[in-house]
Amino acid sequence: MPRGIPNRDAKNSPVISSGIKHSSEYDVGQSAAPRFKESGDNEHNAKVELDPTSTIVVAGEVYSSEKMAMLSFMNEPVTIEIATTKEKNAEQCFGININGKEIFFRRGIRQVIPRYFLDHLLRMKETGYEQEAVENKEGVRGYVEVPRTALKYPVLIIRDDNPRGDEWAQFTIACPG
């Protein structure tokens, strides 16, 4: 959007926009309920185990060009701002420590940070549950827990010079948390 033209689609405040992306413009990945599998010879003797979903991959080279490109991408500077909130008890200041490097954030303040801190912010999600009344075929009423997942700290991405940055942010937010 050209500079100086009001953004009519602003969600939180009608401001003039110049390519700024807010994390609320992306779909947040929803948490899935844990999957279980049952094993055993009968229902009274059944063991409940978590269903394995991860795979171990052994790296062929320690310093592959793909890995180095990703490290370079994750170290690029991006300008962000943590969105303000009306919540009375919301954290106004907080810190994130990644591999011994700590950065403190304050809501409403623009900061230039490495992308790997933004990656951590976009993966920090909270899931709340609402109860919904249901009725089965026999007419028995009950309740189910409906999860709602959102970012813990909504982020405004002010400046990201990498052309792949928007696609990366959209993918990162969509990952279940």
C-alpha atoms as a PDB file:
ATOM      1  CA  MET A   1       0.000   0.000   0.000  1.00  0.00           C
ATOM      2  CA  PRO A   2       1.497   3.411  -0.942  1.00  0.00           C
ATOM      3  CA  ARG A   3       2.696   5.557   1.925  1.00  0.00           C
ATOM      4  CA  GLY A   4       0.170   8.094   3.181  1.00  0.00           C
ATOM      5  CA  ILE A   5      -2.975   6.182   2.199  1.00  0.00           C
ATOM      6  CA  PRO A   6      -5.161   5.214   5.192  1.00  0.00           C
ATOM      7  CA  ASN A   7      -5.497   1.495   5.749  1.00  0.00           C
ATOM      8  CA  ARG A   8      -9.266   0.854   5.673  1.00  0.00           C
ATOM      9  CA  ASP A   9      -8.826  -2.792   6.739  1.00  0.00           C
ATOM     10  CA  ALA A  10      -7.025  -1.972   9.997  1.00  0.00           C
ATOM     11  CA  LYS A  11      -8.091  -4.424  12.693  1.00  0.00           C
ATOM     12  CA  ASN A  12      -7.009  -2.680  15.899  1.00  0.00           C
ATOM     13  CA  SER A  13      -6.571   0.954  15.009  1.00  0.00           C
ATOM     14  CA  PRO A  14      -7.116   2.989  11.849  1.00  0.00           C
ATOM     15  CA  VAL A  15      -3.541   4.020  11.012  1.00  0.00           C
ATOM     16  CA  ILE A  16      -1.568   4.721   7.903  1.00  0.00           C
ATOM     17  CA  SER A  17       0.145   1.523   6.792  1.00  0.00           C
ATOM     18  CA  SER A  18       3.270   1.013   4.726  1.00  0.00           C
ATOM     19  CA  GLY A  19       3.729  -2.739   4.381  1.00  0.00           C
ATOM     20  CA  ILE A  20       3.482  -3.522   8.091  1.00  0.00           C
ATOM     21  CA  LYS A  21       2.207  -7.046   8.827  1.00  0.00           C
ATOM     22  CA  HIS A  22       0.325  -7.879  12.019  1.00  0.00           C
ATOM     23  CA  SER A  23       0.373 -11.444  13.298  1.00  0.00           C
ATOM     24  CA  SER A  24      -3.437 -11.414  13.485  1.00  0.00           C
ATOM     25  CA  GLU A  25      -3.530 -11.402   9.669  1.00  0.00           C
ATOM     26  CA  TYR A  26      -2.296 -15.008   9.616  1.00  0.00           C
ATOM     27  CA  ASP A  27      -4.073 -18.201  10.662  1.00  0.00           C
ATOM     28  CA  VAL A  28      -2.801 -19.543  13.980  1.00  0.00           C
ATOM     29  CA  GLY A  29      -2.158 -23.288  14.088  1.00  0.00           C
ATOM     30  CA  GLN A  30      -4.558 -24.987  16.472  1.00  0.00           C
ATOM     31  CA  SER A  31      -3.391 -27.534  19.021  1.00  0.00           C
ATOM     32  CA  ALA A  32      -4.517 -31.067  18.440  1.00  0.00           C
ATOM     33  CA  ALA A  33      -5.623 -33.355  21.233  1.00  0.00           C
ATOM     34  CA  PRO A  34      -2.976 -35.952  22.111  1.00  0.00           C
ATOM     35  CA  ARG A  35      -3.340 -39.131  20.092  1.00  0.00           C
ATOM     36  CA  PHE A  36      -3.258 -42.405  21.986  1.00  0.00           C
ATOM     37  CA  LYS A  37      -3.094 -45.976  20.892  1.00  0.00           C
ATOM     38  CA  GLU A  38      -4.198 -48.900  22.991  1.00  0.00           C
ATOM     39  CA  SER A  39      -2.425 -52.199  23.304  1.00  0.00           C
ATOM     40  CA  GLY A  40      -3.196 -55.238  25.405  1.00  0.00           C
ATOM     41  CA  ASP A  41      -5.240 -58.394  25.259  1.00  0.00           C
ATOM     42  CA  ASN A  42      -8.471 -56.990  26.734  1.00  0.00           C
ATOM     43  CA  GLU A  43     -10.034 -53.706  27.804  1.00  0.00           C
ATOM     44  CA  HIS A  44      -9.222 -54.217  31.502  1.00  0.00           C
ATOM     45  CA  ASN A  45      -5.580 -55.011  30.815  1.00  0.00           C
ATOM     46  CA  ALA A  46      -5.007 -52.379  28.120  1.00  0.00           C
ATOM     47  CA  LYS A  47      -1.966 -50.137  28.291  1.00  0.00           C
ATOM     48  CA  VAL A  48      -2.308 -46.621  26.921  1.00  0.00           C
ATOM     49  CA  GLU A  49       0.779 -45.330  25.141  1.00  0.00           C
ATOM     50  CA  LEU A  50       1.513 -42.130  23.274  1.00  0.00           C
ATOM     51  CA  ASP A  51       1.529 -42.663  19.537  1.00  0.00           C
ATOM     52  CA  PRO A  52       5.097 -42.017  18.267  1.00  0.00           C
ATOM     53  CA  THR A  53       5.133 -39.255  15.649  1.00  0.00           C
ATOM     54  CA  SER A  54       8.771 -38.199  15.401  1.00  0.00           C
ATOM     55  CA  THR A  55      11.457 -39.624  13.179  1.00  0.00           C
ATOM     56  CA  ILE A  56      15.215 -39.466  13.728  1.00  0.00           C
ATOM     57  CA  VAL A  57      17.255 -38.286  10.736  1.00  0.00           C
ATOM     58  CA  VAL A  58      21.038 -38.541  10.766  1.00  0.00           C
ATOM     59  CA  ALA A  59      22.816 -35.660   9.078  1.00  0.00           C
ATOM     60  CA  GLY A  60      25.223 -36.562   6.299  1.00  0.00           C
ATOM     61  CA  GLU A  61      27.305 -33.372   6.491  1.00  0.00           C
ATOM     62  CA  VAL A  62      27.874 -31.161   9.498  1.00  0.00           C
ATOM     63  CA  TYR A  63      28.017 -27.911   7.496  1.00  0.00           C
ATOM     64  CA  SER A  64      25.687 -28.359   4.548  1.00  0.00           C
ATOM     65  CA  SER A  65      24.983 -25.349   2.343  1.00  0.00           C
ATOM     66  CA  GLU A  66      21.256 -25.666   3.087  1.00  0.00           C
ATOM     67  CA  LYS A  67      21.886 -25.490   6.828  1.00  0.00           C
ATOM     68  CA  MET A  68      24.186 -22.494   6.457  1.00  0.00           C
ATOM     69  CA  ALA A  69      21.593 -20.681   4.320  1.00  0.00           C
ATOM     70  CA  MET A  70      18.952 -21.318   7.001  1.00  0.00           C
ATOM     71  CA  LEU A  71      21.267 -20.068   9.762  1.00  0.00           C
ATOM     72  CA  SER A  72      21.934 -16.940   7.737  1.00  0.00           C
ATOM     73  CA  PHE A  73      18.201 -16.440   7.163  1.00  0.00           C
ATOM     74  CA  MET A  74      17.409 -16.880  10.880  1.00  0.00           C
ATOM     75  CA  ASN A  75      20.064 -14.300  11.855  1.00  0.00           C
ATOM     76  CA  GLU A  76      18.686 -11.549   9.582  1.00  0.00           C
ATOM     77  CA  PRO A  77      17.434  -8.459  11.437  1.00  0.00           C
ATOM     78  CA  VAL A  78      13.687  -7.753  11.507  1.00  0.00           C
ATOM     79  CA  THR A  79      11.891  -4.802  13.065  1.00  0.00           C
ATOM     80  CA  ILE A  80       8.939  -5.748  15.257  1.00  0.00           C
ATOM     81  CA  GLU A  81       6.588  -4.346  17.850  1.00  0.00           C
ATOM     82  CA  ILE A  82       4.699  -6.364  20.471  1.00  0.00           C
ATOM     83  CA  ALA A  83       1.051  -5.296  20.331  1.00  0.00           C
ATOM     84  CA  THR A  84      -0.446  -3.489  23.295  1.00  0.00           C
ATOM     85  CA  THR A  85      -3.395  -4.975  25.136  1.00  0.00           C
ATOM     86  CA  LYS A  86      -6.292  -3.872  27.303  1.00  0.00           C
ATOM     87  CA  GLU A  87      -5.911  -6.885  29.602  1.00  0.00           C
ATOM     88  CA  LYS A  88      -5.375  -5.716  33.150  1.00  0.00           C
ATOM     89  CA  ASN A  89      -2.984  -8.512  34.161  1.00  0.00           C
ATOM     90  CA  ALA A  90      -1.097  -8.955  30.869  1.00  0.00           C
ATOM     91  CA  GLU A  91       2.701  -8.855  30.966  1.00  0.00           C
ATOM     92  CA  GLN A  92       3.944  -5.465  29.792  1.00  0.00           C
ATOM     93  CA  CYS A  93       7.637  -6.464  29.857  1.00  0.00           C
ATOM     94  CA  PHE A  94       9.142  -9.899  29.379  1.00  0.00           C
ATOM     95  CA  GLY A  95      12.408 -11.482  28.337  1.00  0.00           C
ATOM     96  CA  ILE A  96      13.320 -14.336  26.032  1.00  0.00           C
ATOM     97  CA  ASN A  97      16.604 -16.217  26.382  1.00  0.00           C
ATOM     98  CA  ILE A  98      17.851 -18.315  23.447  1.00  0.00           C
ATOM     99  CA  ASN A  99      21.199 -20.085  23.836  1.00  0.00           C
ATOM    100  CA  GLY A 100      22.425 -17.559  26.407  1.00  0.00           C
ATOM    101  CA  LYS A 101      21.390 -14.449  24.454  1.00  0.00           C
ATOM    102  CA  GLU A 102      18.574 -12.585  26.180  1.00  0.00           C
ATOM    103  CA  ILE A 103      16.387  -9.830  24.771  1.00  0.00           C
ATOM    104  CA  PHE A 104      13.785  -7.940  26.764  1.00  0.00           C
ATOM    105  CA  PHE A 105      10.562  -6.850  25.107  1.00  0.00           C
ATOM    106  CA  ARG A 106       8.078  -4.156  26.078  1.00  0.00           C
ATOM    107  CA  ARG A 107       4.647  -3.779  24.540  1.00  0.00           C
ATOM    108  CA  GLY A 108       4.320  -0.866  22.107  1.00  0.00           C
ATOM    109  CA  ILE A 109       8.085  -0.397  21.571  1.00  0.00           C
ATOM    110  CA  ARG A 110       9.725  -1.072  18.174  1.00  0.00           C
ATOM    111  CA  GLN A 111      12.823  -3.242  18.236  1.00  0.00           C
ATOM    112  CA  VAL A 112      15.263  -4.664  15.719  1.00  0.00           C
ATOM    113  CA  ILE A 113      15.912  -8.306  16.601  1.00  0.00           C
ATOM    114  CA  PRO A 114      17.364 -11.398  14.884  1.00  0.00           C
ATOM    115  CA  ARG A 115      14.717 -13.485  13.108  1.00  0.00           C
ATOM    116  CA  TYR A 116      15.244 -16.453  15.432  1.00  0.00           C
ATOM    117  CA  PHE A 117      13.755 -14.404  18.301  1.00  0.00           C
ATOM    118  CA  LEU A 118      10.759 -13.595  16.091  1.00  0.00           C
ATOM    119  CA  ASP A 119      10.496 -17.321  15.348  1.00  0.00           C
ATOM    120  CA  HIS A 120      10.266 -17.994  19.085  1.00  0.00           C
ATOM    121  CA  LEU A 121       7.626 -15.253  19.555  1.00  0.00           C
ATOM    122  CA  LEU A 122       5.496 -16.616  16.691  1.00  0.00           C
ATOM    123  CA  ARG A 123       5.602 -20.127  18.185  1.00  0.00           C
ATOM    124  CA  MET A 124       4.564 -18.983  21.682  1.00  0.00           C
ATOM    125  CA  LYS A 125       0.876 -19.844  21.771  1.00  0.00           C
ATOM    126  CA  GLU A 126      -1.711 -20.218  24.486  1.00  0.00           C
ATOM    127  CA  THR A 127      -4.640 -22.579  24.303  1.00  0.00           C
ATOM    128  CA  GLY A 128      -7.806 -21.906  26.249  1.00  0.00           C
ATOM    129  CA  TYR A 129     -10.788 -24.213  26.436  1.00  0.00           C
ATOM    130  CA  GLU A 130     -14.508 -23.512  26.281  1.00  0.00           C
ATOM    131  CA  GLN A 131     -17.183 -26.009  27.212  1.00  0.00           C
ATOM    132  CA  GLU A 132     -19.833 -26.740  24.641  1.00  0.00           C
ATOM    133  CA  ALA A 133     -23.016 -28.669  25.431  1.00  0.00           C
ATOM    134  CA  VAL A 134     -23.680 -31.681  23.179  1.00  0.00           C
ATOM    135  CA  GLU A 135     -26.321 -34.354  23.002  1.00  0.00           C
ATOM    136  CA  ASN A 136     -25.751 -37.853  21.601  1.00  0.00           C
ATOM    137  CA  LYS A 137     -28.183 -40.091  19.690  1.00  0.00           C
ATOM    138  CA  GLU A 138     -29.678 -41.527  22.873  1.00  0.00           C
ATOM    139  CA  GLY A 139     -30.490 -38.050  24.203  1.00  0.00           C
ATOM    140  CA  VAL A 140     -27.756 -38.026  26.851  1.00  0.00           C
ATOM    141  CA  ARG A 141     -26.370 -34.536  27.384  1.00  0.00           C
ATOM    142  CA  GLY A 142     -22.735 -33.855  28.031  1.00  0.00           C
ATOM    143  CA  TYR A 143     -19.997 -31.328  27.484  1.00  0.00           C
ATOM    144  CA  VAL A 144     -16.955 -31.262  25.223  1.00  0.00           C
ATOM    145  CA  GLU A 145     -13.888 -29.089  25.609  1.00  0.00           C
ATOM    146  CA  VAL A 146     -13.325 -26.898  22.546  1.00  0.00           C
ATOM    147  CA  PRO A 147      -9.733 -25.588  22.293  1.00  0.00           C
ATOM    148  CA  ARG A 148      -8.987 -22.038  21.116  1.00  0.00           C
ATOM    149  CA  THR A 149      -5.357 -21.237  20.348  1.00  0.00           C
ATOM    150  CA  ALA A 150      -3.882 -17.750  19.900  1.00  0.00           C
ATOM    151  CA  LEU A 151      -0.454 -16.130  20.033  1.00  0.00           C
ATOM    152  CA  LYS A 152       0.681 -15.279  23.545  1.00  0.00           C
ATOM    153  CA  TYR A 153       2.225 -12.025  22.313  1.00  0.00           C
ATOM    154  CA  PRO A 154       0.654 -10.669  19.086  1.00  0.00           C
ATOM    155  CA  VAL A 155       3.438  -9.176  16.965  1.00  0.00           C
ATOM    156  CA  LEU A 156       3.571  -6.403  14.381  1.00  0.00           C
ATOM    157  CA  ILE A 157       6.277  -7.131  11.790  1.00  0.00           C
ATOM    158  CA  ILE A 158       7.297  -3.603  10.841  1.00  0.00           C
ATOM    159  CA  ARG A 159      10.201  -4.346   8.507  1.00  0.00           C
ATOM    160  CA  ASP A 160      11.463  -7.566   6.989  1.00  0.00           C
ATOM    161  CA  ASP A 161      13.795  -7.034   4.022  1.00  0.00           C
ATOM    162  CA  ASN A 162      13.823 -10.681   2.921  1.00  0.00           C
ATOM    163  CA  PRO A 163      11.220 -11.429   0.206  1.00  0.00           C
ATOM    164  CA  ARG A 164      10.639 -14.874   1.776  1.00  0.00           C
ATOM    165  CA  GLY A 165       9.950 -13.340   5.197  1.00  0.00           C
ATOM    166  CA  ASP A 166       6.175 -13.016   4.794  1.00  0.00           C
ATOM    167  CA  GLU A 167       5.794 -16.618   3.606  1.00  0.00           C
ATOM    168  CA  TRP A 168       8.027 -17.811   6.464  1.00  0.00           C
ATOM    169  CA  ALA A 169       6.010 -15.876   9.083  1.00  0.00           C
ATOM    170  CA  GLN A 170       2.740 -17.261   7.735  1.00  0.00           C
ATOM    171  CA  PHE A 171       4.104 -20.833   7.870  1.00  0.00           C
ATOM    172  CA  THR A 172       5.549 -20.372  11.375  1.00  0.00           C
ATOM    173  CA  ILE A 173       2.302 -19.035  12.839  1.00  0.00           C
ATOM    174  CA  ALA A 174       0.303 -21.829  11.185  1.00  0.00           C
ATOM    175  CA  CYS A 175       2.382 -24.513  12.919  1.00  0.00           C
ATOM    176  CA  PRO A 176       0.388 -26.063  15.769  1.00  0.00           C
ATOM    177  CA  GLY A 177       1.605 -25.003  19.151  1.00  0.00           C
END
